[in-house]
Protein backbone atom coordinates (compact mmCIF):
# COMPACT_ATOMS: atom_id res chain seq x y z
CA UNK A 1 0.00 0.00 0.00
CA UNK A 2 2.35 2.69 1.26
CA UNK A 3 5.21 1.48 -0.95
CA UNK A 4 3.69 2.92 -4.14
CA UNK A 5 4.13 6.40 -2.63
CA UNK A 6 7.68 5.73 -1.54
CA UNK A 7 8.62 5.07 -5.18
CA UNK A 8 7.31 8.45 -6.34
CA UNK A 9 6.14 10.61 -3.48
CA UNK A 10 3.78 13.36 -4.55
CA UNK A 11 3.61 16.44 -2.33
CA UNK A 12 -0.20 16.39 -2.33
CA UNK A 13 -0.38 13.04 -0.57
CA UNK A 14 -1.39 13.47 3.07
CA UNK A 15 0.13 11.46 5.90
CA UNK A 16 -0.68 10.82 9.54
CA UNK A 17 1.29 9.42 12.45
CA UNK A 18 0.36 5.84 13.29
CA UNK A 19 -1.56 5.30 16.54
CA UNK A 20 1.04 2.90 17.94
CA UNK A 21 3.77 5.56 17.91
CA UNK A 22 4.62 7.04 21.31
CA UNK A 23 6.66 10.18 21.53
CA UNK A 24 7.81 13.19 23.51
CA UNK A 25 9.57 16.38 22.40
CA UNK A 26 11.92 18.21 24.78
CA UNK A 27 12.81 21.83 24.08
CA UNK A 28 15.50 23.86 25.84
CA UNK A 29 17.08 27.19 24.90
CA UNK A 30 19.79 25.57 22.83
CA UNK A 31 18.52 22.08 22.06
CA UNK A 32 15.48 20.21 20.79
CA UNK A 33 15.31 16.44 21.23
CA UNK A 34 12.49 14.05 20.37
CA UNK A 35 12.09 10.43 21.41
CA UNK A 36 9.86 7.87 19.67
CA UNK A 37 8.85 4.30 20.24
CA UNK A 38 6.96 2.00 17.91
CA UNK A 39 4.87 -0.08 20.33
CA UNK A 40 4.44 -2.87 17.80
CA UNK A 41 8.09 -3.67 17.19
CA UNK A 42 9.70 -1.90 20.18
CA UNK A 43 11.88 0.24 17.93
CA UNK A 44 13.27 3.27 19.75
CA UNK A 45 14.39 6.42 17.90
CA UNK A 46 15.72 9.85 18.77
CA UNK A 47 15.65 13.03 16.67
CA UNK A 48 17.62 16.19 17.37
CA UNK A 49 17.32 19.85 16.39
CA UNK A 50 16.00 20.27 12.81
CA UNK A 51 14.58 16.74 12.54
CA UNK A 52 13.08 17.07 16.03
CA UNK A 53 11.43 20.36 15.02
CA UNK A 54 10.11 18.76 11.85
CA UNK A 55 8.73 15.85 13.87
CA UNK A 56 7.14 18.30 16.30
CA UNK A 57 5.42 20.09 13.41
CA UNK A 58 3.99 16.75 12.24
CA UNK A 59 2.73 16.02 15.75
CA UNK A 60 0.79 19.26 15.82
CA UNK A 61 -1.27 18.29 12.79
CA UNK A 62 -3.89 15.63 12.23
CA UNK A 63 -2.65 15.20 8.64
CA UNK A 64 0.32 16.70 6.83
CA UNK A 65 2.26 16.68 3.57
CA UNK A 66 5.71 17.77 2.45
CA UNK A 67 4.78 21.12 0.88
CA UNK A 68 2.76 22.15 3.93
CA UNK A 69 5.70 21.40 6.24
CA UNK A 70 8.22 23.03 3.90
CA UNK A 71 6.26 26.29 3.92
CA UNK A 72 5.77 26.26 7.68
CA UNK A 73 9.41 25.54 8.54
CA UNK A 74 11.00 27.33 5.57
CA UNK A 75 12.90 24.18 4.64
CA UNK A 76 13.56 22.59 1.22
CA UNK A 77 10.66 20.37 0.16
CA UNK A 78 12.97 17.63 -1.13
CA UNK A 79 14.61 17.25 2.30
CA UNK A 80 11.22 16.93 3.97
CA UNK A 81 10.07 14.43 1.36
CA UNK A 82 13.15 12.32 2.06
CA UNK A 83 12.39 12.38 5.80
CA UNK A 84 8.77 11.41 5.19
CA UNK A 85 9.86 8.48 3.01
CA UNK A 86 12.13 7.19 5.75
CA UNK A 87 9.37 7.43 8.36
CA UNK A 88 6.94 5.61 6.07
CA UNK A 89 9.45 2.81 5.45
CA UNK A 90 9.72 2.07 9.17
CA UNK A 91 5.96 2.35 9.83
CA UNK A 92 6.07 5.58 11.82
CA UNK A 93 3.61 7.27 9.48
CA UNK A 94 1.03 6.13 6.92
CA UNK A 95 -0.77 7.67 3.99
CA UNK A 96 -4.28 8.84 4.89
CA UNK A 97 -5.82 7.15 1.86
CA UNK A 98 -4.37 3.73 2.67
CA UNK A 99 -7.12 1.21 3.28
CA UNK A 100 -4.80 -0.59 5.68
CA UNK A 101 -3.79 2.07 8.18
CA UNK A 102 -1.90 -0.17 10.58
CA UNK A 103 1.29 -0.98 8.67
CA UNK A 104 3.25 -2.21 11.70
CA UNK A 105 5.45 -5.27 11.66
CA UNK A 106 4.04 -8.57 12.87
CA UNK A 107 6.63 -8.95 15.62
CA UNK A 108 7.80 -12.40 16.71
CA UNK A 109 8.32 -11.38 20.37
CA UNK A 110 11.16 -13.80 21.05
CA UNK A 111 11.91 -15.07 24.55
CA UNK A 112 14.41 -12.83 26.30
CA UNK A 113 15.72 -12.61 29.85
CA UNK A 114 15.11 -9.03 31.00
CA UNK A 115 16.54 -9.51 34.50
CA UNK A 116 20.09 -8.44 33.78
CA UNK A 117 18.93 -5.52 31.62
CA UNK A 118 16.50 -4.12 34.16
CA UNK A 119 18.59 -4.59 37.28
CA UNK A 120 21.82 -2.71 37.89
CA UNK A 121 23.89 -1.27 40.71
CA UNK A 122 21.43 1.62 40.68
CA UNK A 123 18.46 -0.60 41.42
CA UNK A 124 15.29 -1.34 39.51
CA UNK A 125 13.31 1.44 37.89
CA UNK A 126 9.88 0.08 37.01
CA UNK A 127 8.89 2.40 34.13
CA UNK A 128 12.33 1.60 32.72
CA UNK A 129 13.39 1.66 29.09
CA UNK A 130 12.22 -1.40 27.24
CA UNK A 131 12.81 -0.63 23.58
CA UNK A 132 15.56 -1.52 21.15
CA UNK A 133 18.22 0.90 22.46
CA UNK A 134 18.22 0.69 26.24
CA UNK A 135 21.65 2.27 26.81
CA UNK A 136 20.84 5.20 24.53
CA UNK A 137 17.58 5.73 26.38
CA UNK A 138 19.34 5.82 29.72
CA UNK A 139 21.59 8.54 28.31
CA UNK A 140 18.51 10.48 27.21
CA UNK A 141 16.96 10.08 30.67
CA UNK A 142 20.01 11.74 32.23
CA UNK A 143 19.83 14.63 29.77
CA UNK A 144 16.09 15.02 30.36
CA UNK A 145 16.62 15.15 34.14
CA UNK A 146 19.46 17.68 33.89
CA UNK A 147 17.14 19.93 31.92
CA UNK A 148 14.33 19.83 34.48
CA UNK A 149 11.90 17.44 32.78
CA UNK A 150 10.18 14.41 34.31
CA UNK A 151 10.81 11.31 32.17
CA UNK A 152 8.49 8.65 33.57
CA UNK A 153 5.67 7.99 36.00
CA UNK A 154 4.20 5.01 37.78
CA UNK A 155 0.50 4.98 38.67
CA UNK A 156 -1.11 2.48 41.03
CA UNK A 157 -4.64 2.91 39.72
CA UNK A 158 -6.21 0.64 42.35
CA UNK A 159 -5.23 -1.45 45.37
CA UNK A 160 -8.20 -3.78 44.89
CA UNK A 161 -7.30 -7.25 43.70
CA UNK A 162 -9.00 -10.59 43.14
CA UNK A 163 -5.79 -12.42 44.12
CA UNK A 164 -4.50 -12.47 47.70
CA UNK A 165 -0.78 -12.98 47.19
CA UNK A 166 1.08 -13.90 50.36
CA UNK A 167 3.92 -11.44 49.58
CA UNK A 168 1.81 -8.46 48.41
CA UNK A 169 3.28 -5.12 49.46
CA UNK A 170 0.19 -2.97 48.79
CA UNK A 171 -1.16 -1.26 51.91
CA UNK A 172 -4.00 -3.15 53.55
CA UNK A 173 -3.15 -6.47 51.88
CA UNK A 174 -3.83 -9.69 53.76
CA UNK A 175 -0.99 -12.23 53.88
CA UNK A 176 -2.41 -15.28 55.67
CA UNK A 177 -5.82 -16.85 56.07
CA UNK A 178 -7.80 -14.90 58.64
CA UNK A 179 -6.22 -11.52 57.83
CA UNK A 180 -8.75 -8.84 57.01
CA UNK A 181 -8.13 -6.85 53.84
CA UNK A 182 -8.22 -3.02 53.85
CA UNK A 183 -7.53 -2.46 50.15
CA UNK A 184 -10.57 -0.34 49.28
CA UNK A 185 -9.68 3.37 49.30
CA UNK A 186 -11.11 6.54 47.79
CA UNK A 187 -9.61 6.07 44.33
CA UNK A 188 -8.86 8.96 42.00
CA UNK A 189 -11.77 9.50 39.61
CA UNK A 190 -11.56 9.43 35.85
CA UNK A 191 -11.74 13.20 35.35
CA UNK A 192 -8.86 13.86 37.74
CA UNK A 193 -6.83 11.10 36.10
CA UNK A 194 -7.26 12.76 32.69
CA UNK A 195 -6.32 16.18 34.11
CA UNK A 196 -3.21 14.73 35.72
CA UNK A 197 -2.21 12.85 32.58
CA UNK A 198 -2.26 16.17 30.69
CA UNK A 199 0.03 17.68 33.32
CA UNK A 200 2.40 14.72 33.21
CA UNK A 201 2.66 14.98 29.42
CA UNK A 202 3.51 18.69 29.73
CA UNK A 203 6.21 17.86 32.31
CA UNK A 204 7.95 15.63 29.77
CA UNK A 205 6.68 12.17 30.68
CA UNK A 206 7.41 9.65 27.93
CA UNK A 207 7.10 6.32 29.81
CA UNK A 208 4.36 5.26 32.22
CA UNK A 209 3.69 2.17 34.31
CA UNK A 210 0.09 1.27 35.15
CA UNK A 211 -0.24 -1.13 38.04
CA UNK A 212 -2.39 -2.07 41.02
CA UNK A 213 -3.87 -4.13 42.71
CA UNK A 214 -5.49 -5.56 39.65
CA UNK A 215 -6.03 -2.85 37.04
CA UNK A 216 -9.00 -4.48 35.38
CA UNK A 217 -11.14 -4.08 38.47
CA UNK A 218 -11.45 -0.42 37.42
CA UNK A 219 -14.52 -0.03 35.22
CA UNK A 220 -13.00 3.03 33.51
CA UNK A 221 -9.69 1.39 32.58
CA UNK A 222 -10.38 1.23 28.85
CA UNK A 223 -11.18 4.96 28.89
CA UNK A 224 -7.86 5.58 30.65
CA UNK A 225 -5.92 3.45 28.16
CA UNK A 226 -7.56 5.31 25.28
CA UNK A 227 -6.61 8.68 26.78
CA UNK A 228 -2.98 7.67 27.37
CA UNK A 229 -2.78 6.38 23.81
CA UNK A 230 -4.09 9.73 22.48
CA UNK A 231 -1.42 11.56 24.49
CA UNK A 232 1.18 9.25 22.92
CA UNK A 233 2.69 8.27 26.28
CA UNK A 234 4.41 4.89 26.10
CA UNK A 235 2.83 2.74 28.80
CA UNK A 236 3.28 -0.66 30.41
CA UNK A 237 0.44 -2.65 31.97
CA UNK A 238 0.95 -4.86 35.02
CA UNK A 239 -1.96 -7.32 35.37
CA UNK A 240 -2.58 -10.82 36.66
CA UNK A 241 -4.72 -11.48 33.58
CA UNK A 242 -7.28 -13.59 35.43
CA UNK A 243 -10.21 -11.25 34.73
CA UNK A 244 -9.63 -11.10 30.98
CA UNK A 245 -11.00 -13.00 28.01
CA UNK A 246 -10.10 -12.86 24.32
CA UNK A 247 -12.62 -10.10 23.55
CA UNK A 248 -11.15 -7.81 26.23
CA UNK A 249 -7.57 -8.57 25.24
CA UNK A 250 -8.36 -7.80 21.61
CA UNK A 251 -9.84 -4.49 22.77
CA UNK A 252 -6.68 -3.72 24.78
CA UNK A 253 -4.61 -4.32 21.63
CA UNK A 254 -6.43 -1.39 20.00
CA UNK A 255 -4.85 0.92 22.60
CA UNK A 256 -1.32 -0.35 21.84
CA UNK A 257 0.36 -0.86 25.23
CA UNK A 258 4.13 -0.78 24.86
CA UNK A 259 4.37 -3.81 27.12
CA UNK A 260 2.18 -6.13 29.17
CA UNK A 261 3.68 -7.87 32.20
CA UNK A 262 2.07 -10.69 34.17
CA UNK A 263 3.28 -12.46 37.29
CA UNK A 264 3.78 -16.22 37.23
CA UNK A 265 5.32 -17.16 40.56
CA UNK A 266 6.35 -20.69 39.62
CA UNK A 267 6.58 -23.04 36.68
CA UNK A 268 4.17 -25.23 38.65
CA UNK A 269 0.49 -24.31 38.75
CA UNK A 270 0.00 -25.65 42.29
CA UNK A 271 2.80 -23.53 43.78
CA UNK A 272 1.61 -20.40 41.98
CA UNK A 273 -1.99 -20.85 43.11
CA UNK A 274 -0.86 -21.32 46.72
CA UNK A 275 0.93 -17.95 46.53
CA UNK A 276 -2.00 -16.10 44.93
CA UNK A 277 -4.58 -17.98 47.04
CA UNK A 278 -6.82 -18.05 43.96
CA UNK A 279 -7.69 -21.41 42.44
CA UNK A 280 -6.76 -21.90 38.79
CA UNK A 281 -5.00 -18.51 38.68
CA UNK A 282 -1.85 -19.97 37.06
CA UNK A 283 -3.83 -21.34 34.13
CA UNK A 284 -5.87 -18.15 33.69
CA UNK A 285 -2.78 -15.93 33.78
CA UNK A 286 -0.98 -18.11 31.26
CA UNK A 287 -3.99 -18.15 28.92
CA UNK A 288 -4.14 -14.36 29.00
CA UNK A 289 -0.39 -14.09 28.38
CA UNK A 290 -0.74 -16.24 25.27
CA UNK A 291 -3.64 -14.09 24.04
CA UNK A 292 -1.65 -10.88 24.56
CA UNK A 293 1.03 -12.38 22.34
CA UNK A 294 -1.56 -13.52 19.81
CA UNK A 295 -2.66 -9.90 19.42
CA UNK A 296 0.90 -8.73 18.86
CA UNK A 297 1.59 -7.13 22.25
CA UNK A 298 5.03 -7.39 23.82
CA UNK A 299 4.40 -9.75 26.73
CA UNK A 300 6.63 -10.60 29.67
CA UNK A 301 6.25 -13.00 32.61
CA UNK A 302 7.65 -12.00 36.01
CA UNK A 303 8.65 -14.04 39.02
CA UNK A 304 9.78 -13.03 42.50
CA UNK A 305 12.02 -15.57 44.23
CA UNK A 306 10.71 -16.74 47.60
CA UNK A 307 11.85 -19.34 50.11
CA UNK A 308 9.71 -22.07 48.54
CA UNK A 309 10.20 -21.10 44.90
CA UNK A 310 13.82 -19.97 44.49
CA UNK A 311 14.85 -23.46 43.44
CA UNK A 312 12.26 -23.25 40.68
CA UNK A 313 13.76 -20.12 39.09
CA UNK A 314 15.71 -22.08 36.48
CA UNK A 315 12.60 -24.11 35.61
CA UNK A 316 10.63 -20.84 35.31
CA UNK A 317 13.22 -19.46 32.89
CA UNK A 318 13.15 -22.64 30.81
CA UNK A 319 9.33 -22.58 30.85
CA UNK A 320 9.35 -19.01 29.49
CA UNK A 321 11.86 -19.88 26.80
CA UNK A 322 9.89 -22.95 25.72
CA UNK A 323 6.75 -20.82 25.45
CA UNK A 324 8.63 -17.93 23.85
CA UNK A 325 7.92 -15.31 26.54
CA UNK A 326 10.17 -12.51 27.64
CA UNK A 327 10.75 -12.83 31.38
CA UNK A 328 12.35 -11.35 34.48
CA UNK A 329 13.11 -12.57 38.00
CA UNK A 330 13.23 -10.38 41.10
CA UNK A 331 15.02 -11.28 44.35
CA UNK A 332 14.01 -8.16 46.29
CA UNK A 333 11.32 -9.19 48.75
CA UNK A 334 9.70 -6.13 50.32
CA UNK A 335 7.76 -5.35 53.49
CA UNK A 336 4.25 -3.99 53.04
CA UNK A 337 3.59 -0.31 52.45
CA UNK A 338 1.59 -0.37 55.70
CA UNK A 339 4.64 -1.61 57.63
CA UNK A 340 3.62 -5.27 57.52
CA UNK A 341 6.81 -7.31 57.83
CA UNK A 342 5.24 -10.71 57.08
CA UNK A 343 6.93 -11.09 53.65
CA UNK A 344 10.47 -10.48 54.89
CA UNK A 345 9.96 -12.48 58.08
CA UNK A 346 8.50 -15.53 56.38
CA UNK A 347 9.35 -15.64 52.68
CA UNK A 348 13.03 -14.74 52.29
CA UNK A 349 15.10 -17.44 50.54
CA UNK A 350 17.71 -19.41 52.48
CA UNK A 351 21.32 -18.24 52.47
CA UNK A 352 22.60 -21.16 50.40
CA UNK A 353 19.93 -20.65 47.74
CA UNK A 354 20.87 -16.98 47.35
CA UNK A 355 24.55 -17.84 47.08
CA UNK A 356 23.87 -20.44 44.40
CA UNK A 357 21.61 -18.03 42.50
CA UNK A 358 24.51 -15.57 42.46
CA UNK A 359 26.53 -18.10 40.47
CA UNK A 360 23.92 -18.56 37.69
CA UNK A 361 24.70 -16.41 34.60
CA UNK A 362 21.00 -15.72 33.86
CA UNK A 363 20.28 -14.49 37.39
CA UNK A 364 20.08 -10.75 38.19
CA UNK A 365 22.27 -11.61 41.20
CA UNK A 366 24.98 -13.11 38.95
CA UNK A 367 28.46 -12.13 40.15
CA UNK A 368 30.14 -12.40 36.76
CA UNK A 369 33.43 -14.15 36.12
CA UNK A 370 36.61 -14.12 38.19
CA UNK A 371 38.20 -11.81 35.62
CA UNK A 372 35.13 -9.56 35.22
CA UNK A 373 33.11 -9.44 38.45
CA UNK A 374 29.85 -7.47 38.45
CA UNK A 375 30.82 -5.29 41.40
CA UNK A 376 31.95 -1.73 42.04
CA UNK A 377 33.91 0.32 44.55
CA UNK A 378 31.45 2.40 46.64
CA UNK A 379 34.16 4.98 47.33
CA UNK A 380 34.28 5.82 43.62
CA UNK A 381 30.56 6.63 43.58
CA UNK A 382 30.28 9.00 46.54
CA UNK A 383 27.93 11.82 45.62
CA UNK A 384 25.98 9.80 43.04
CA UNK A 385 22.28 8.88 43.47
CA UNK A 386 21.49 5.19 43.87
CA UNK A 387 18.36 5.15 41.70
CA UNK A 388 16.11 7.29 39.55
CA UNK A 389 13.22 7.55 42.05
CA UNK A 390 12.20 11.19 42.39
CA UNK A 391 14.67 12.17 39.68
CA UNK A 392 13.75 10.36 36.46
CA UNK A 393 10.41 9.11 37.73
CA UNK A 394 7.56 9.78 40.16
CA UNK A 395 4.63 7.69 41.38
CA UNK A 396 0.93 8.25 42.08
CA UNK A 397 -1.04 5.93 44.33
CA UNK A 398 -4.62 4.80 43.84
CA UNK A 399 -5.79 7.43 46.34
CA UNK A 400 -3.71 10.15 44.65
CA UNK A 401 -0.62 10.42 46.87
CA UNK A 402 2.49 11.66 45.05
CA UNK A 403 5.79 9.92 45.84
CA UNK A 404 9.21 9.24 44.26
CA UNK A 405 8.40 5.58 43.54
CA UNK A 406 5.86 2.94 44.57
CA UNK A 407 8.77 1.25 46.38
CA UNK A 408 9.64 4.53 48.14
CA UNK A 409 6.20 5.86 49.14
CA UNK A 410 7.22 9.14 50.81
CA UNK A 411 4.18 11.35 50.18
CA UNK A 412 4.76 14.89 48.88
CA UNK A 413 1.17 15.82 48.18
CA UNK A 414 -2.04 14.45 46.67
CA UNK A 415 -3.29 15.16 43.16
CA UNK A 416 -6.82 15.69 44.49
CA UNK A 417 -5.63 18.82 46.28
CA UNK A 418 -2.14 19.59 44.95
CA UNK A 419 -0.71 20.18 41.49
CA UNK A 420 1.90 17.58 40.63
CA UNK A 421 3.36 19.89 37.99
CA UNK A 422 3.98 22.62 40.58
CA UNK A 423 5.51 20.16 43.04
CA UNK A 424 7.88 18.93 40.32
CA UNK A 425 8.72 22.36 38.84
CA UNK A 426 9.50 23.78 42.30
CA UNK A 427 11.78 20.89 43.21
CA UNK A 428 15.54 21.09 42.71
CA UNK A 429 15.48 18.91 39.60
CA UNK A 430 12.53 20.85 38.18
CA UNK A 431 14.39 24.14 38.73
CA UNK A 432 17.65 22.63 37.38
CA UNK A 433 19.40 23.36 40.66
CA UNK A 434 21.85 21.19 42.54
CA UNK A 435 19.87 19.27 45.12
CA UNK A 436 21.11 18.90 48.68
CA UNK A 437 19.84 16.58 51.39
CA UNK A 438 18.17 18.43 54.26
CA UNK A 439 16.79 16.15 56.96
CA UNK A 440 14.53 18.80 58.50
CA UNK A 441 12.89 19.71 55.19
CA UNK A 442 12.61 16.03 54.22
CA UNK A 443 10.36 15.54 57.24
CA UNK A 444 8.47 18.81 57.65
CA UNK A 445 8.88 20.90 54.49
CA UNK A 446 6.44 21.53 51.66
CA UNK A 447 5.93 18.92 48.99
CA UNK A 448 8.58 20.46 46.74
CA UNK A 449 11.00 20.92 49.64
CA UNK A 450 10.61 17.30 50.71
CA UNK A 451 11.12 16.17 47.12
CA UNK A 452 14.19 18.40 46.72
CA UNK A 453 15.68 16.97 49.88
CA UNK A 454 15.23 13.43 48.59
CA UNK A 455 16.67 14.42 45.20
CA UNK A 456 19.82 15.49 47.06
CA UNK A 457 20.38 12.12 48.74
CA UNK A 458 23.45 10.40 47.31
CA UNK A 459 25.95 7.70 48.13
CA UNK A 460 27.78 8.86 51.21
CA UNK A 461 24.59 10.10 52.90
CA UNK A 462 23.30 6.62 53.77
CA UNK A 463 23.79 5.18 57.25
CA UNK A 464 26.74 2.71 57.14
CA UNK A 465 25.99 1.79 53.51
CA UNK A 466 29.29 1.65 51.68
CA UNK A 467 31.29 0.74 54.79
CA UNK A 468 31.42 -3.03 54.28
CA UNK A 469 32.99 -5.38 51.77
CA UNK A 470 29.54 -6.57 50.68
CA UNK A 471 28.50 -3.02 49.71
CA UNK A 472 30.35 -3.29 46.41
CA UNK A 473 27.91 -6.04 45.46
CA UNK A 474 24.74 -4.21 46.54
CA UNK A 475 21.77 -3.32 44.31
CA UNK A 476 20.48 -0.84 46.87
CA UNK A 477 16.82 0.16 47.10
CA UNK A 478 16.05 2.94 49.63
CA UNK A 479 12.36 1.96 49.56
CA UNK A 480 13.08 -1.49 50.97
CA UNK A 481 14.97 0.16 53.82
CA UNK A 482 12.24 2.70 54.54
CA UNK A 483 9.42 0.16 54.71
CA UNK A 484 11.46 -2.15 56.92
CA UNK A 485 13.18 0.30 59.27
CA UNK A 486 11.36 3.65 59.05
CA UNK A 487 14.35 5.32 57.37
CA UNK A 488 15.23 5.41 53.69
CA UNK A 489 18.88 5.97 54.66
CA UNK A 490 19.36 2.74 56.59
CA UNK A 491 20.35 -0.59 55.00
CA UNK A 492 17.61 -3.11 54.30
CA UNK A 493 17.78 -6.78 55.26
CA UNK A 494 16.93 -7.85 51.70
CA UNK A 495 19.66 -5.71 50.13
CA UNK A 496 22.25 -6.79 52.70
CA UNK A 497 21.37 -10.47 52.23
CA UNK A 498 21.60 -10.30 48.46
CA UNK A 499 24.88 -8.38 48.49
CA UNK A 500 26.43 -10.70 51.11
CA UNK A 501 25.36 -13.75 49.08
CA UNK A 502 26.95 -12.27 45.96
CA UNK A 503 30.17 -11.44 47.80
CA UNK A 504 30.47 -14.96 49.24
CA UNK A 505 29.59 -16.55 45.88
CA UNK A 506 32.42 -14.67 44.21
CA UNK A 507 34.88 -15.66 46.94
CA UNK A 508 33.80 -19.30 46.54
CA UNK A 509 34.26 -19.03 42.80
CA UNK A 510 37.79 -17.78 43.27
CA UNK A 511 38.61 -20.64 45.66
CA UNK A 512 36.91 -23.51 43.84
CA UNK A 513 36.59 -22.47 40.16
CA UNK A 514 33.55 -24.63 39.28
CA UNK A 515 29.98 -24.81 40.57
CA UNK A 516 30.24 -28.57 41.07
CA UNK A 517 33.25 -28.15 43.33
CA UNK A 518 31.50 -25.38 45.28
CA UNK A 519 28.46 -27.62 45.87
CA UNK A 520 30.62 -30.58 46.96
CA UNK A 521 32.56 -28.54 49.49
CA UNK A 522 29.78 -26.19 50.64
CA UNK A 523 29.82 -25.92 54.46
CA UNK A 524 27.49 -23.26 55.79
CA UNK A 525 28.78 -23.56 59.36
CA UNK A 526 32.28 -22.66 58.21
CA UNK A 527 30.98 -19.88 55.97
CA UNK A 528 28.91 -18.38 58.77
CA UNK A 529 31.98 -18.38 60.98
CA UNK A 530 34.18 -16.83 58.29
CA UNK A 531 31.61 -14.17 57.34
CA UNK A 532 30.33 -13.56 60.85
CA UNK A 533 29.40 -9.90 60.15
CA UNK A 534 26.69 -10.95 57.68
CA UNK A 535 23.87 -11.21 60.20
CA UNK A 536 21.23 -10.34 57.59
CA UNK A 537 22.18 -13.36 55.51
CA UNK A 538 22.48 -15.95 58.28
CA UNK A 539 19.84 -14.66 60.71
CA UNK A 540 17.44 -12.30 58.93
CA UNK A 541 14.80 -12.31 61.70
CA UNK A 542 17.32 -11.02 64.20
CA UNK A 543 18.48 -8.37 61.74
CA UNK A 544 14.92 -7.22 61.03
CA UNK A 545 14.05 -6.81 64.70
CA UNK A 546 17.31 -4.98 65.44
CA UNK A 547 16.83 -2.42 62.65
CA UNK A 548 13.10 -1.78 62.93
CA UNK A 549 12.06 1.53 64.47
CA UNK A 550 9.54 0.78 67.28
CA UNK A 551 7.37 3.58 65.89
CA UNK A 552 7.46 2.23 62.34
CA UNK A 553 3.73 2.28 61.68
CA UNK A 554 3.43 5.80 63.08
CA UNK A 555 6.26 6.93 60.81
CA UNK A 556 4.62 5.33 57.78
CA UNK A 557 1.24 6.78 58.70
CA UNK A 558 2.76 10.27 58.84
CA UNK A 559 5.13 10.13 55.87
CA UNK A 560 3.28 7.79 53.49
CA UNK A 561 -0.32 8.47 54.52
CA UNK A 562 -1.93 5.23 53.30
CA UNK A 563 -5.65 5.21 54.12
CA UNK A 564 -5.44 1.45 54.53
CA UNK A 565 -3.13 1.87 57.53
CA UNK A 566 -5.57 4.26 59.20
CA UNK A 567 -8.35 1.69 58.76
CA UNK A 568 -6.10 -1.08 60.03
CA UNK A 569 -5.13 0.83 63.17
CA UNK A 570 -8.75 1.72 63.81
CA UNK A 571 -9.77 -1.92 63.47
CA UNK A 572 -7.07 -2.87 65.96
CA UNK A 573 -8.39 -0.23 68.36
CA UNK A 574 -5.10 1.64 68.26
CA UNK A 575 -4.58 5.37 68.10
CA UNK A 576 -0.91 5.62 67.27
């Protein structure tokens, strides 16, 4: 269809940008940069200066042609025609008189391990780059941040869920039979969501993560997806898939999510269903995952390693590869956002299992080779931030609270009463000023002052972090520390366990060379004696109790403000 115009492009032919193209244009005094993603084939592109301005002119029109753009921009028509031809070839634009408007590639969506790409020494950023040029996108993110823009946003649209996962970190979640759930909150309404999405687009947001709870319990979700698609924000959906059928999944495909991610907690249906506490959930999730792929959506399966499933991680990876799914594995078990420590007290993997995971090349904990270890010297990174939370990305909860990240739920306002664009623009990053940590303002300042204080936190400001040999192996997450201890600057048991396991695994590799030899000579009693400072690894319960602030729930109630915690305390008859 489109190819007949590429052979001899006539200036009268009108074009339009395809609906599966997501984009953002960033303008500064001396630079214009545009970023694009084709949601169908995950191609990622950047334009600069003249080409970015030309792309921006196209974006501002429903339809366009070369002579129209040449007159508007005072540029040679032949140069613009050449640019249009290139965009048509790679399915960015289509002719308006094409009967087949969607010219996108029918992507194969090969199996791929995302763990090592999406985990780094800086931690895990959920609305992270996922296109064809991840390193280039990280470079763009840094430039965007330096110039005061906000690159990505997470939005927990609901806490409600039909599954009751034993490890859930949402506030008000139940973890064992008999627990009462407090997941229903005053969710942000559709109108306010649309208003906020407009503001986020104007702030520079290109990537967005939509999560829950279970998203598809919101009756207005298809309206929200349609609105995000119109704004051309690249978005990822997290869902368990159990509430979907083929008709709904086909409808979702018309809104072109950049990615759909579903949790499968084991390669075995029985183990998965025991974790979700929903019968037949494994089968329903898998069926939905296959349908998402059928309708040409990039689909990934996720697993979090727990005490009873960590030895199934390799089987999970093989299962994903056999079924041709992208996949990722997480080893960062978190406390609940309401201060519930059940997950880290009961579900953390054993020390030996973590050490062995650190020796598997496909694991995000992998230590590398003897010659090229995946470690760093903390002293060389003093002054650097540990993650992008509050710098590259922000988060909005289902009740509207604004925070740096869903894993670091320090509340700086609420979109029902506060303007997220003003909070961002008045922060240090928004004003393009050097941020500096200020403990007093981080606790009692305005929303922008609290955010600025967090933006100033860097390596060297954390309590004891960086002082131990294991710290060079750490994938630090301040949110894990905050929810466990009451302070985002303290170490977390999960981070310390993972880093200690990686350190020991590398030392064992140096001493024994092969995994078989390590397994034959593994003696945990001797290791515990040799690495006697690693309390978090050998005795996590003791470590958790020692680090926890006795006023943890009061701290979380004040700084995170989850309605679920208020309801929980009221039900317990407490007035903390």
